[in-house]
Amino acid sequence: MVKTLDTFAKGEKGIIEDVSLDEIPLKLIEMGCLPNSEVTLLQIAPFGDPLYFSINDAHVAIRKDTAKHILAKL
């Protein structure tokens, strides 16, 4: 099953399949947010935004608006 990162539940894991390079900041790409990277949702902020992920053992906070442009396979 493939879904966007903004729809992940806490603790859910996947492998990034596709990243919309036009829609996400270059900084995320530099931090390893690339296809075939392992991703886990660690925490959700109190008001639901941002989302706190582990991507290839790096911890990254991603806004929901940005996370909807990243597809991952469960």
PDB file of N, CA and C in Angstrom:
ATOM      1  N   MET A   1       0.843  -1.172   0.000  1.00  0.00           N
ATOM      2  CA  MET A   1       0.000   0.000   0.000  1.00  0.00           C
ATOM      3  C   MET A   1       0.897   1.248   0.000  1.00  0.00           C
ATOM      4  N   VAL A   2       0.523   2.246  -0.777  1.00  0.00           N
ATOM      5  CA  VAL A   2       1.269   3.505  -0.875  1.00  0.00           C
ATOM      6  C   VAL A   2       0.397   4.626  -0.322  1.00  0.00           C
ATOM      7  N   LYS A   3       1.005   5.471   0.522  1.00  0.00           N
ATOM      8  CA  LYS A   3       0.277   6.612   1.072  1.00  0.00           C
ATOM      9  C   LYS A   3       1.235   7.770   1.289  1.00  0.00           C
ATOM     10  N   THR A   4       0.686   8.957   1.456  1.00  0.00           N
ATOM     11  CA  THR A   4       1.523  10.128   1.687  1.00  0.00           C
ATOM     12  C   THR A   4       1.891  10.203   3.170  1.00  0.00           C
ATOM     13  N   LEU A   5       2.999  10.867   3.472  1.00  0.00           N
ATOM     14  CA  LEU A   5       3.483  10.932   4.857  1.00  0.00           C
ATOM     15  C   LEU A   5       2.516  11.644   5.793  1.00  0.00           C
ATOM     16  N   ASP A   6       1.705  12.563   5.270  1.00  0.00           N
ATOM     17  CA  ASP A   6       0.761  13.274   6.138  1.00  0.00           C
ATOM     18  C   ASP A   6      -0.360  12.383   6.649  1.00  0.00           C
ATOM     19  N   THR A   7      -0.520  11.184   6.080  1.00  0.00           N
ATOM     20  CA  THR A   7      -1.577  10.264   6.518  1.00  0.00           C
ATOM     21  C   THR A   7      -1.044   9.141   7.404  1.00  0.00           C
ATOM     22  N   PHE A   8       0.244   9.164   7.723  1.00  0.00           N
ATOM     23  CA  PHE A   8       0.835   8.142   8.587  1.00  0.00           C
ATOM     24  C   PHE A   8       0.270   8.250  10.004  1.00  0.00           C
ATOM     25  N   ALA A   9       0.148   7.108  10.676  1.00  0.00           N
ATOM     26  CA  ALA A   9      -0.216   7.065  12.094  1.00  0.00           C
ATOM     27  C   ALA A   9       1.075   6.968  12.906  1.00  0.00           C
ATOM     28  N   LYS A  10       1.022   7.387  14.146  1.00  0.00           N
ATOM     29  CA  LYS A  10       2.203   7.354  15.009  1.00  0.00           C
ATOM     30  C   LYS A  10       2.759   5.931  15.072  1.00  0.00           C
ATOM     31  N   GLY A  11       4.056   5.795  14.818  1.00  0.00           N
ATOM     32  CA  GLY A  11       4.716   4.494  14.835  1.00  0.00           C
ATOM     33  C   GLY A  11       4.730   3.774  13.497  1.00  0.00           C
ATOM     34  N   GLU A  12       3.998   4.290  12.527  1.00  0.00           N
ATOM     35  CA  GLU A  12       3.918   3.654  11.209  1.00  0.00           C
ATOM     36  C   GLU A  12       5.241   3.814  10.456  1.00  0.00           C
ATOM     37  N   LYS A  13       5.641   2.740   9.760  1.00  0.00           N
ATOM     38  CA  LYS A  13       6.909   2.731   9.030  1.00  0.00           C
ATOM     39  C   LYS A  13       6.665   2.502   7.550  1.00  0.00           C
ATOM     40  N   GLY A  14       7.589   2.986   6.733  1.00  0.00           N
ATOM     41  CA  GLY A  14       7.494   2.781   5.298  1.00  0.00           C
ATOM     42  C   GLY A  14       8.809   3.084   4.612  1.00  0.00           C
ATOM     43  N   ILE A  15       8.796   2.943   3.302  1.00  0.00           N
ATOM     44  CA  ILE A  15       9.940   3.258   2.452  1.00  0.00           C
ATOM     45  C   ILE A  15       9.488   4.341   1.480  1.00  0.00           C
ATOM     46  N   ILE A  16      10.220   5.444   1.421  1.00  0.00           N
ATOM     47  CA  ILE A  16       9.847   6.536   0.517  1.00  0.00           C
ATOM     48  C   ILE A  16       9.953   6.048  -0.923  1.00  0.00           C
ATOM     49  N   GLU A  17       8.880   6.260  -1.678  1.00  0.00           N
ATOM     50  CA  GLU A  17       8.826   5.842  -3.079  1.00  0.00           C
ATOM     51  C   GLU A  17       9.022   7.008  -4.030  1.00  0.00           C
ATOM     52  N   ASP A  18       8.411   8.148  -3.708  1.00  0.00           N
ATOM     53  CA  ASP A  18       8.467   9.290  -4.620  1.00  0.00           C
ATOM     54  C   ASP A  18       8.428  10.584  -3.825  1.00  0.00           C
ATOM     55  N   VAL A  19       9.185  11.554  -4.295  1.00  0.00           N
ATOM     56  CA  VAL A  19       9.255  12.865  -3.665  1.00  0.00           C
ATOM     57  C   VAL A  19       9.024  13.906  -4.756  1.00  0.00           C
ATOM     58  N   SER A  20       8.080  14.803  -4.516  1.00  0.00           N
ATOM     59  CA  SER A  20       7.822  15.882  -5.466  1.00  0.00           C
ATOM     60  C   SER A  20       8.885  16.960  -5.253  1.00  0.00           C
ATOM     61  N   LEU A  21       9.929  16.937  -6.065  1.00  0.00           N
ATOM     62  CA  LEU A  21      11.061  17.840  -5.888  1.00  0.00           C
ATOM     63  C   LEU A  21      10.681  19.315  -5.978  1.00  0.00           C
ATOM     64  N   ASP A  22       9.606  19.614  -6.691  1.00  0.00           N
ATOM     65  CA  ASP A  22       9.163  21.003  -6.827  1.00  0.00           C
ATOM     66  C   ASP A  22       8.432  21.505  -5.585  1.00  0.00           C
ATOM     67  N   GLU A  23       7.931  20.587  -4.761  1.00  0.00           N
ATOM     68  CA  GLU A  23       7.072  20.961  -3.644  1.00  0.00           C
ATOM     69  C   GLU A  23       7.729  20.888  -2.270  1.00  0.00           C
ATOM     70  N   ILE A  24       8.892  20.238  -2.147  1.00  0.00           N
ATOM     71  CA  ILE A  24       9.518  20.133  -0.832  1.00  0.00           C
ATOM     72  C   ILE A  24      10.819  20.931  -0.795  1.00  0.00           C
ATOM     73  N   PRO A  25      11.189  21.422   0.378  1.00  0.00           N
ATOM     74  CA  PRO A  25      12.415  22.217   0.492  1.00  0.00           C
ATOM     75  C   PRO A  25      13.672  21.390   0.210  1.00  0.00           C
ATOM     76  N   LEU A  26      14.659  22.020  -0.376  1.00  0.00           N
ATOM     77  CA  LEU A  26      15.931  21.371  -0.680  1.00  0.00           C
ATOM     78  C   LEU A  26      16.574  20.801   0.584  1.00  0.00           C
ATOM     79  N   LYS A  27      16.356  21.450   1.709  1.00  0.00           N
ATOM     80  CA  LYS A  27      16.939  20.999   2.980  1.00  0.00           C
ATOM     81  C   LYS A  27      16.495  19.574   3.324  1.00  0.00           C
ATOM     82  N   LEU A  28      15.242  19.225   3.040  1.00  0.00           N
ATOM     83  CA  LEU A  28      14.766  17.863   3.311  1.00  0.00           C
ATOM     84  C   LEU A  28      15.483  16.841   2.437  1.00  0.00           C
ATOM     85  N   ILE A  29      15.725  17.200   1.199  1.00  0.00           N
ATOM     86  CA  ILE A  29      16.440  16.302   0.289  1.00  0.00           C
ATOM     87  C   ILE A  29      17.867  16.107   0.791  1.00  0.00           C
ATOM     88  N   GLU A  30      18.499  17.188   1.219  1.00  0.00           N
ATOM     89  CA  GLU A  30      19.857  17.107   1.750  1.00  0.00           C
ATOM     90  C   GLU A  30      19.927  16.253   3.013  1.00  0.00           C
ATOM     91  N   MET A  31      18.833  16.207   3.772  1.00  0.00           N
ATOM     92  CA  MET A  31      18.809  15.425   5.013  1.00  0.00           C
ATOM     93  C   MET A  31      18.431  13.966   4.768  1.00  0.00           C
ATOM     94  N   GLY A  32      18.257  13.577   3.512  1.00  0.00           N
ATOM     95  CA  GLY A  32      18.011  12.173   3.200  1.00  0.00           C
ATOM     96  C   GLY A  32      16.595  11.806   2.848  1.00  0.00           C
ATOM     97  N   CYS A  33      15.731  12.770   2.646  1.00  0.00           N
ATOM     98  CA  CYS A  33      14.340  12.492   2.271  1.00  0.00           C
ATOM     99  C   CYS A  33      14.294  12.186   0.774  1.00  0.00           C
ATOM    100  N   LEU A  34      14.743  10.985   0.430  1.00  0.00           N
ATOM    101  CA  LEU A  34      14.876  10.544  -0.957  1.00  0.00           C
ATOM    102  C   LEU A  34      14.232   9.183  -1.143  1.00  0.00           C
ATOM    103  N   PRO A  35      13.908   8.797  -2.375  1.00  0.00           N
ATOM    104  CA  PRO A  35      13.367   7.453  -2.620  1.00  0.00           C
ATOM    105  C   PRO A  35      14.282   6.374  -2.050  1.00  0.00           C
ATOM    106  N   ASN A  36      13.664   5.307  -1.559  1.00  0.00           N
ATOM    107  CA  ASN A  36      14.299   4.139  -0.942  1.00  0.00           C
ATOM    108  C   ASN A  36      14.817   4.399   0.465  1.00  0.00           C
ATOM    109  N   SER A  37      14.473   5.540   1.060  1.00  0.00           N
ATOM    110  CA  SER A  37      14.844   5.828   2.445  1.00  0.00           C
ATOM    111  C   SER A  37      13.764   5.290   3.372  1.00  0.00           C
ATOM    112  N   GLU A  38      14.175   4.748   4.506  1.00  0.00           N
ATOM    113  CA  GLU A  38      13.234   4.242   5.499  1.00  0.00           C
ATOM    114  C   GLU A  38      12.704   5.405   6.324  1.00  0.00           C
ATOM    115  N   VAL A  39      11.391   5.436   6.553  1.00  0.00           N
ATOM    116  CA  VAL A  39      10.757   6.535   7.278  1.00  0.00           C
ATOM    117  C   VAL A  39       9.804   5.975   8.335  1.00  0.00           C
ATOM    118  N   THR A  40       9.824   6.599   9.518  1.00  0.00           N
ATOM    119  CA  THR A  40       8.944   6.223  10.626  1.00  0.00           C
ATOM    120  C   THR A  40       8.390   7.493  11.248  1.00  0.00           C
ATOM    121  N   LEU A  41       7.081   7.527  11.486  1.00  0.00           N
ATOM    122  CA  LEU A  41       6.479   8.674  12.178  1.00  0.00           C
ATOM    123  C   LEU A  41       6.665   8.477  13.680  1.00  0.00           C
ATOM    124  N   LEU A  42       7.439   9.356  14.290  1.00  0.00           N
ATOM    125  CA  LEU A  42       7.747   9.244  15.712  1.00  0.00           C
ATOM    126  C   LEU A  42       6.756   9.990  16.594  1.00  0.00           C
ATOM    127  N   GLN A  43       6.369  11.190  16.167  1.00  0.00           N
ATOM    128  CA  GLN A  43       5.551  12.053  17.014  1.00  0.00           C
ATOM    129  C   GLN A  43       4.704  12.991  16.167  1.00  0.00           C
ATOM    130  N   ILE A  44       3.553  13.366  16.714  1.00  0.00           N
ATOM    131  CA  ILE A  44       2.694  14.355  16.078  1.00  0.00           C
ATOM    132  C   ILE A  44       2.555  15.522  17.054  1.00  0.00           C
ATOM    133  N   ALA A  45       2.790  16.735  16.592  1.00  0.00           N
ATOM    134  CA  ALA A  45       2.693  17.920  17.446  1.00  0.00           C
ATOM    135  C   ALA A  45       1.274  18.045  18.012  1.00  0.00           C
ATOM    136  N   PRO A  46       1.114  18.733  19.146  1.00  0.00           N
ATOM    137  CA  PRO A  46      -0.196  18.837  19.803  1.00  0.00           C
ATOM    138  C   PRO A  46      -1.345  19.288  18.901  1.00  0.00           C
ATOM    139  N   PHE A  47      -1.109  20.197  17.985  1.00  0.00           N
ATOM    140  CA  PHE A  47      -2.183  20.638  17.102  1.00  0.00           C
ATOM    141  C   PHE A  47      -2.139  19.947  15.748  1.00  0.00           C
ATOM    142  N   GLY A  48      -1.357  18.850  15.644  1.00  0.00           N
ATOM    143  CA  GLY A  48      -1.316  18.045  14.436  1.00  0.00           C
ATOM    144  C   GLY A  48      -0.300  18.472  13.398  1.00  0.00           C
ATOM    145  N   ASP A  49       0.448  19.518  13.668  1.00  0.00           N
ATOM    146  CA  ASP A  49       1.412  20.008  12.687  1.00  0.00           C
ATOM    147  C   ASP A  49       2.545  20.707  13.421  1.00  0.00           C
ATOM    148  N   PRO A  50       3.796  20.386  13.215  1.00  0.00           N
ATOM    149  CA  PRO A  50       4.360  19.476  12.218  1.00  0.00           C
ATOM    150  C   PRO A  50       4.372  18.026  12.697  1.00  0.00           C
ATOM    151  N   LEU A  51       4.853  17.160  11.808  1.00  0.00           N
ATOM    152  CA  LEU A  51       5.020  15.738  12.093  1.00  0.00           C
ATOM    153  C   LEU A  51       6.512  15.478  12.277  1.00  0.00           C
ATOM    154  N   TYR A  52       6.849  14.619  13.216  1.00  0.00           N
ATOM    155  CA  TYR A  52       8.246  14.354  13.547  1.00  0.00           C
ATOM    156  C   TYR A  52       8.605  12.946  13.079  1.00  0.00           C
ATOM    157  N   PHE A  53       9.485  12.852  12.083  1.00  0.00           N
ATOM    158  CA  PHE A  53       9.841  11.580  11.456  1.00  0.00           C
ATOM    159  C   PHE A  53      11.284  11.201  11.729  1.00  0.00           C
ATOM    160  N   SER A  54      11.543   9.912  11.639  1.00  0.00           N
ATOM    161  CA  SER A  54      12.906   9.388  11.563  1.00  0.00           C
ATOM    162  C   SER A  54      13.079   8.946  10.117  1.00  0.00           C
ATOM    163  N   ILE A  55      14.044   9.543   9.421  1.00  0.00           N
ATOM    164  CA  ILE A  55      14.334   9.179   8.039  1.00  0.00           C
ATOM    165  C   ILE A  55      15.787   8.753   7.977  1.00  0.00           C
ATOM    166  N   ASN A  56      15.997   7.450   7.760  1.00  0.00           N
ATOM    167  CA  ASN A  56      17.360   6.893   7.757  1.00  0.00           C
ATOM    168  C   ASN A  56      18.130   7.315   9.012  1.00  0.00           C
ATOM    169  N   ASP A  57      17.500   7.176  10.170  1.00  0.00           N
ATOM    170  CA  ASP A  57      18.085   7.479  11.485  1.00  0.00           C
ATOM    171  C   ASP A  57      18.327   8.966  11.740  1.00  0.00           C
ATOM    172  N   ALA A  58      17.866   9.853  10.873  1.00  0.00           N
ATOM    173  CA  ALA A  58      17.912  11.294  11.126  1.00  0.00           C
ATOM    174  C   ALA A  58      16.508  11.721  11.557  1.00  0.00           C
ATOM    175  N   HIS A  59      16.400  12.557  12.565  1.00  0.00           N
ATOM    176  CA  HIS A  59      15.101  13.022  13.038  1.00  0.00           C
ATOM    177  C   HIS A  59      14.772  14.350  12.378  1.00  0.00           C
ATOM    178  N   VAL A  60      13.584  14.390  11.755  1.00  0.00           N
ATOM    179  CA  VAL A  60      13.198  15.538  10.932  1.00  0.00           C
ATOM    180  C   VAL A  60      11.749  15.926  11.227  1.00  0.00           C
ATOM    181  N   ALA A  61      11.504  17.220  11.421  1.00  0.00           N
ATOM    182  CA  ALA A  61      10.140  17.731  11.559  1.00  0.00           C
ATOM    183  C   ALA A  61       9.692  18.225  10.187  1.00  0.00           C
ATOM    184  N   ILE A  62       8.535  17.733   9.738  1.00  0.00           N
ATOM    185  CA  ILE A  62       8.015  18.088   8.415  1.00  0.00           C
ATOM    186  C   ILE A  62       6.581  18.595   8.579  1.00  0.00           C
ATOM    187  N   ARG A  63       6.295  19.732   7.991  1.00  0.00           N
ATOM    188  CA  ARG A  63       4.929  20.255   8.013  1.00  0.00           C
ATOM    189  C   ARG A  63       4.003  19.330   7.235  1.00  0.00           C
ATOM    190  N   LYS A  64       2.747  19.268   7.666  1.00  0.00           N
ATOM    191  CA  LYS A  64       1.765  18.426   6.977  1.00  0.00           C
ATOM    192  C   LYS A  64       1.622  18.826   5.514  1.00  0.00           C
ATOM    193  N   ASP A  65       1.668  20.120   5.253  1.00  0.00           N
ATOM    194  CA  ASP A  65       1.530  20.622   3.890  1.00  0.00           C
ATOM    195  C   ASP A  65       2.647  20.089   2.990  1.00  0.00           C
ATOM    196  N   THR A  66       3.837  19.916   3.547  1.00  0.00           N
ATOM    197  CA  THR A  66       4.969  19.372   2.796  1.00  0.00           C
ATOM    198  C   THR A  66       4.887  17.846   2.738  1.00  0.00           C
ATOM    199  N   ALA A  67       4.481  17.220   3.838  1.00  0.00           N
ATOM    200  CA  ALA A  67       4.422  15.760   3.924  1.00  0.00           C
ATOM    201  C   ALA A  67       3.446  15.151   2.909  1.00  0.00           C
ATOM    202  N   LYS A  68       2.454  15.916   2.496  1.00  0.00           N
ATOM    203  CA  LYS A  68       1.486  15.374   1.531  1.00  0.00           C
ATOM    204  C   LYS A  68       2.095  15.199   0.131  1.00  0.00           C
ATOM    205  N   HIS A  69       3.313  15.718  -0.081  1.00  0.00           N
ATOM    206  CA  HIS A  69       3.981  15.581  -1.381  1.00  0.00           C
ATOM    207  C   HIS A  69       5.023  14.471  -1.379  1.00  0.00           C
ATOM    208  N   ILE A  70       5.050  13.657  -0.320  1.00  0.00           N
ATOM    209  CA  ILE A  70       6.023  12.572  -0.214  1.00  0.00           C
ATOM    210  C   ILE A  70       5.264  11.253  -0.093  1.00  0.00           C
ATOM    211  N   LEU A  71       5.462  10.358  -1.054  1.00  0.00           N
ATOM    212  CA  LEU A  71       4.788   9.058  -1.071  1.00  0.00           C
ATOM    213  C   LEU A  71       5.687   7.994  -0.466  1.00  0.00           C
ATOM    214  N   ALA A  72       5.098   7.111   0.336  1.00  0.00           N
ATOM    215  CA  ALA A  72       5.849   6.015   0.933  1.00  0.00           C
ATOM    216  C   ALA A  72       5.055   4.713   0.821  1.00  0.00           C
ATOM    217  N   LYS A  73       5.788   3.629   0.641  1.00  0.00           N
ATOM    218  CA  LYS A  73       5.187   2.293   0.569  1.00  0.00           C
ATOM    219  C   LYS A  73       5.291   1.656   1.947  1.00  0.00           C
ATOM    220  N   LEU A  74       4.186   1.111   2.435  1.00  0.00           N
ATOM    221  CA  LEU A  74       4.177   0.487   3.746  1.00  0.00           C
ATOM    222  C   LEU A  74       4.677  -0.941   3.678  1.00  0.00           C
TER     223      LEU A  74
END
